[in-house]
């Protein structure tokens, strides 16, 4: 591959997680005589802070940036909350449901639901969707404004990213959140 003429500025995007093995490659890059002709763009906030700290003398070449996403819908401010789970272990669900009587909790599973989950039907603000299919999940995602990532265990079918791309507000606990990169750290 032919390299760009030196008068062009090169842009390098670090999309993989920063690990020590990349340190030598970045040192070579920064020590190159044409180092002023490039920018290193880093989307991950933690990686940006680490690299900017290690290469503080080259801070003008290191830029924090984000991705551009094609969202499936505009944010919808309603009272619909969506939860997708593969187990009966949904952290503090009874407390949350009983504390938020004006919110409608739509809890779905790809399989049958346990008696523990079925018992949530006693709340007027809970709808259960056992053996939900793709069409059901899409409909729930489209009508919801909030996704609660509070189920223990593995994430179900990449639902957090789907919630993000559908402009749902995503909440979770530190020990249940499956993809923290789609949520605010606060």
Protein backbone atom coordinates (compact mmCIF):
# COMPACT_ATOMS: atom_id res chain seq x y z
CA UNK A 1 0.00 0.00 0.00
CA UNK A 2 1.33 3.40 -0.98
CA UNK A 3 1.73 5.85 1.91
CA UNK A 4 0.26 9.33 1.85
CA UNK A 5 2.50 12.26 0.97
CA UNK A 6 3.95 13.93 4.06
CA UNK A 7 1.79 17.05 3.64
CA UNK A 8 -1.34 14.99 4.38
CA UNK A 9 -2.36 14.41 7.96
CA UNK A 10 -2.85 10.78 8.89
CA UNK A 11 -5.61 9.71 11.25
CA UNK A 12 -5.27 6.57 13.31
CA UNK A 13 -8.28 5.21 15.21
CA UNK A 14 -7.55 2.94 18.17
CA UNK A 15 -10.61 0.70 18.26
CA UNK A 16 -9.21 -2.18 20.25
CA UNK A 17 -8.77 -2.09 23.99
CA UNK A 18 -5.40 -0.66 24.98
CA UNK A 19 -3.00 -3.30 26.27
CA UNK A 20 0.69 -3.11 27.07
CA UNK A 21 1.55 -4.93 23.83
CA UNK A 22 0.44 -1.78 21.95
CA UNK A 23 2.85 0.39 23.92
CA UNK A 24 5.85 -0.35 21.67
CA UNK A 25 3.83 0.33 18.53
CA UNK A 26 2.63 3.67 19.90
CA UNK A 27 6.16 4.62 21.02
CA UNK A 28 7.42 3.91 17.50
CA UNK A 29 4.59 5.95 16.07
CA UNK A 30 5.22 8.92 18.36
CA UNK A 31 9.00 8.82 17.84
CA UNK A 32 8.66 8.85 14.06
CA UNK A 33 9.96 12.04 12.46
CA UNK A 34 6.54 12.68 10.88
CA UNK A 35 4.75 12.42 14.22
CA UNK A 36 3.29 15.90 13.87
CA UNK A 37 1.40 14.76 10.75
CA UNK A 38 -1.01 12.38 12.47
CA UNK A 39 -3.76 12.26 15.05
CA UNK A 40 -4.55 9.28 17.24
CA UNK A 41 -8.30 9.07 17.89
CA UNK A 42 -9.41 7.04 20.92
CA UNK A 43 -13.10 6.32 21.61
CA UNK A 44 -12.70 4.55 24.96
CA UNK A 45 -12.46 7.07 27.81
CA UNK A 46 -10.25 4.90 30.06
CA UNK A 47 -7.86 4.10 27.21
CA UNK A 48 -7.73 7.77 26.24
CA UNK A 49 -6.74 8.78 29.78
CA UNK A 50 -4.05 6.07 29.99
CA UNK A 51 -2.49 6.88 26.63
CA UNK A 52 -2.69 10.66 27.13
CA UNK A 53 -0.95 10.20 30.49
CA UNK A 54 1.81 7.94 29.12
CA UNK A 55 2.43 10.19 26.09
CA UNK A 56 1.69 13.54 27.73
CA UNK A 57 4.28 15.32 25.59
CA UNK A 58 2.29 14.32 22.48
CA UNK A 59 -1.12 15.37 23.82
CA UNK A 60 -1.81 17.49 20.74
CA UNK A 61 -1.77 14.30 18.65
CA UNK A 62 -4.13 12.37 20.96
CA UNK A 63 -7.84 13.08 20.69
CA UNK A 64 -10.86 11.66 22.48
CA UNK A 65 -13.75 11.01 20.12
CA UNK A 66 -16.96 9.05 19.95
CA UNK A 67 -18.78 6.99 17.41
CA UNK A 68 -21.69 8.09 15.28
CA UNK A 69 -24.69 5.76 15.56
CA UNK A 70 -27.77 5.29 13.43
CA UNK A 71 -30.52 5.09 16.02
CA UNK A 72 -33.65 3.11 15.22
CA UNK A 73 -36.00 5.63 16.83
CA UNK A 74 -36.13 8.98 18.57
CA UNK A 75 -36.15 8.95 22.38
CA UNK A 76 -39.63 8.33 23.71
CA UNK A 77 -40.56 9.75 27.09
CA UNK A 78 -43.12 7.29 28.41
CA UNK A 79 -43.51 5.01 31.40
CA UNK A 80 -42.66 1.72 29.64
CA UNK A 81 -39.73 -0.25 31.07
CA UNK A 82 -38.28 -3.34 29.39
CA UNK A 83 -36.32 -6.19 31.00
CA UNK A 84 -35.09 -9.30 29.17
CA UNK A 85 -33.85 -12.16 31.28
CA UNK A 86 -32.68 -15.75 30.99
CA UNK A 87 -33.19 -16.48 34.69
CA UNK A 88 -35.42 -15.68 37.62
CA UNK A 89 -32.67 -13.61 39.19
CA UNK A 90 -33.59 -9.99 38.53
CA UNK A 91 -31.94 -7.81 41.16
CA UNK A 92 -34.39 -6.00 43.47
CA UNK A 93 -37.24 -6.40 41.00
CA UNK A 94 -40.05 -6.54 43.58
CA UNK A 95 -38.73 -3.46 45.35
CA UNK A 96 -38.37 -1.55 42.07
CA UNK A 97 -41.81 -2.55 40.78
CA UNK A 98 -43.57 -1.72 44.07
CA UNK A 99 -41.67 1.58 44.41
CA UNK A 100 -42.59 2.76 40.91
CA UNK A 101 -46.35 2.15 40.55
CA UNK A 102 -46.62 4.62 37.65
CA UNK A 103 -44.10 2.72 35.53
CA UNK A 104 -45.14 -0.29 33.41
CA UNK A 105 -42.61 -3.13 33.64
CA UNK A 106 -42.49 -5.47 30.64
CA UNK A 107 -40.44 -8.52 31.59
CA UNK A 108 -39.62 -10.99 28.83
CA UNK A 109 -37.81 -14.31 28.63
CA UNK A 110 -36.97 -16.53 25.69
CA UNK A 111 -38.04 -19.55 27.75
CA UNK A 112 -40.75 -20.44 30.21
CA UNK A 113 -40.71 -18.37 33.41
CA UNK A 114 -40.21 -19.70 36.91
CA UNK A 115 -42.87 -19.44 39.60
CA UNK A 116 -40.82 -16.63 41.15
CA UNK A 117 -41.16 -14.51 38.00
CA UNK A 118 -44.78 -15.52 37.43
CA UNK A 119 -45.57 -14.28 40.95
CA UNK A 120 -44.79 -10.73 39.73
CA UNK A 121 -48.18 -10.80 37.96
CA UNK A 122 -49.70 -9.74 41.29
CA UNK A 123 -48.51 -6.20 40.48
CA UNK A 124 -50.80 -4.20 38.19
CA UNK A 125 -47.77 -2.52 36.62
CA UNK A 126 -46.09 -5.76 35.45
CA UNK A 127 -46.64 -7.62 32.17
CA UNK A 128 -44.83 -10.89 31.62
CA UNK A 129 -43.79 -12.32 28.27
CA UNK A 130 -42.60 -15.93 28.67
CA UNK A 131 -41.32 -17.67 25.53
CA UNK A 132 -41.00 -14.33 23.77
CA UNK A 133 -40.03 -14.44 20.12
CA UNK A 134 -38.13 -11.88 18.02
CA UNK A 135 -41.35 -10.12 17.02
CA UNK A 136 -42.36 -9.75 20.70
CA UNK A 137 -38.93 -8.43 21.65
CA UNK A 138 -38.93 -5.91 18.81
CA UNK A 139 -42.37 -4.64 19.83
CA UNK A 140 -41.32 -4.32 23.49
CA UNK A 141 -38.13 -2.52 22.51
CA UNK A 142 -40.05 -0.10 20.28
CA UNK A 143 -42.64 0.83 22.90
CA UNK A 144 -40.22 1.22 25.82
CA UNK A 145 -38.35 4.29 27.01
CA UNK A 146 -36.18 2.50 29.58
CA UNK A 147 -34.18 -0.73 29.62
CA UNK A 148 -33.25 -2.17 33.02
CA UNK A 149 -30.10 -4.27 32.75
CA UNK A 150 -30.61 -5.86 36.15
CA UNK A 151 -30.77 -9.57 35.37
CA UNK A 152 -28.04 -11.76 36.82
CA UNK A 153 -26.14 -14.04 34.51
CA UNK A 154 -25.27 -13.60 30.87
CA UNK A 155 -26.70 -10.93 28.63
CA UNK A 156 -29.51 -12.23 26.43
CA UNK A 157 -29.13 -11.82 22.65
CA UNK A 158 -27.17 -8.57 22.68
CA UNK A 159 -30.15 -6.74 24.20
CA UNK A 160 -28.16 -3.89 25.76
CA UNK A 161 -26.74 -2.76 22.43
CA UNK A 162 -30.22 -3.07 20.90
CA UNK A 163 -31.64 -0.94 23.72
CA UNK A 164 -28.93 1.64 23.07
CA UNK A 165 -29.62 1.72 19.32
CA UNK A 166 -33.33 2.13 20.10
CA UNK A 167 -32.53 5.18 22.23
CA UNK A 168 -33.70 3.59 25.48
CA UNK A 169 -32.37 4.98 28.71
CA UNK A 170 -30.33 2.11 30.18
CA UNK A 171 -29.99 1.54 33.91
CA UNK A 172 -28.21 -1.25 35.74
CA UNK A 173 -26.37 -2.06 38.91
CA UNK A 174 -22.58 -2.28 38.93
CA UNK A 175 -22.76 -6.04 39.43
CA UNK A 176 -25.44 -6.66 36.76
CA UNK A 177 -24.61 -4.26 33.93
CA UNK A 178 -23.54 -6.29 30.90
CA UNK A 179 -22.16 -3.57 28.64
CA UNK A 180 -21.10 -0.52 30.65
CA UNK A 181 -19.89 1.23 27.51
CA UNK A 182 -23.56 1.91 26.68
CA UNK A 183 -24.28 3.61 30.00
CA UNK A 184 -23.10 6.69 31.83
CA UNK A 185 -20.58 6.04 34.58
CA UNK A 186 -22.66 8.14 37.00
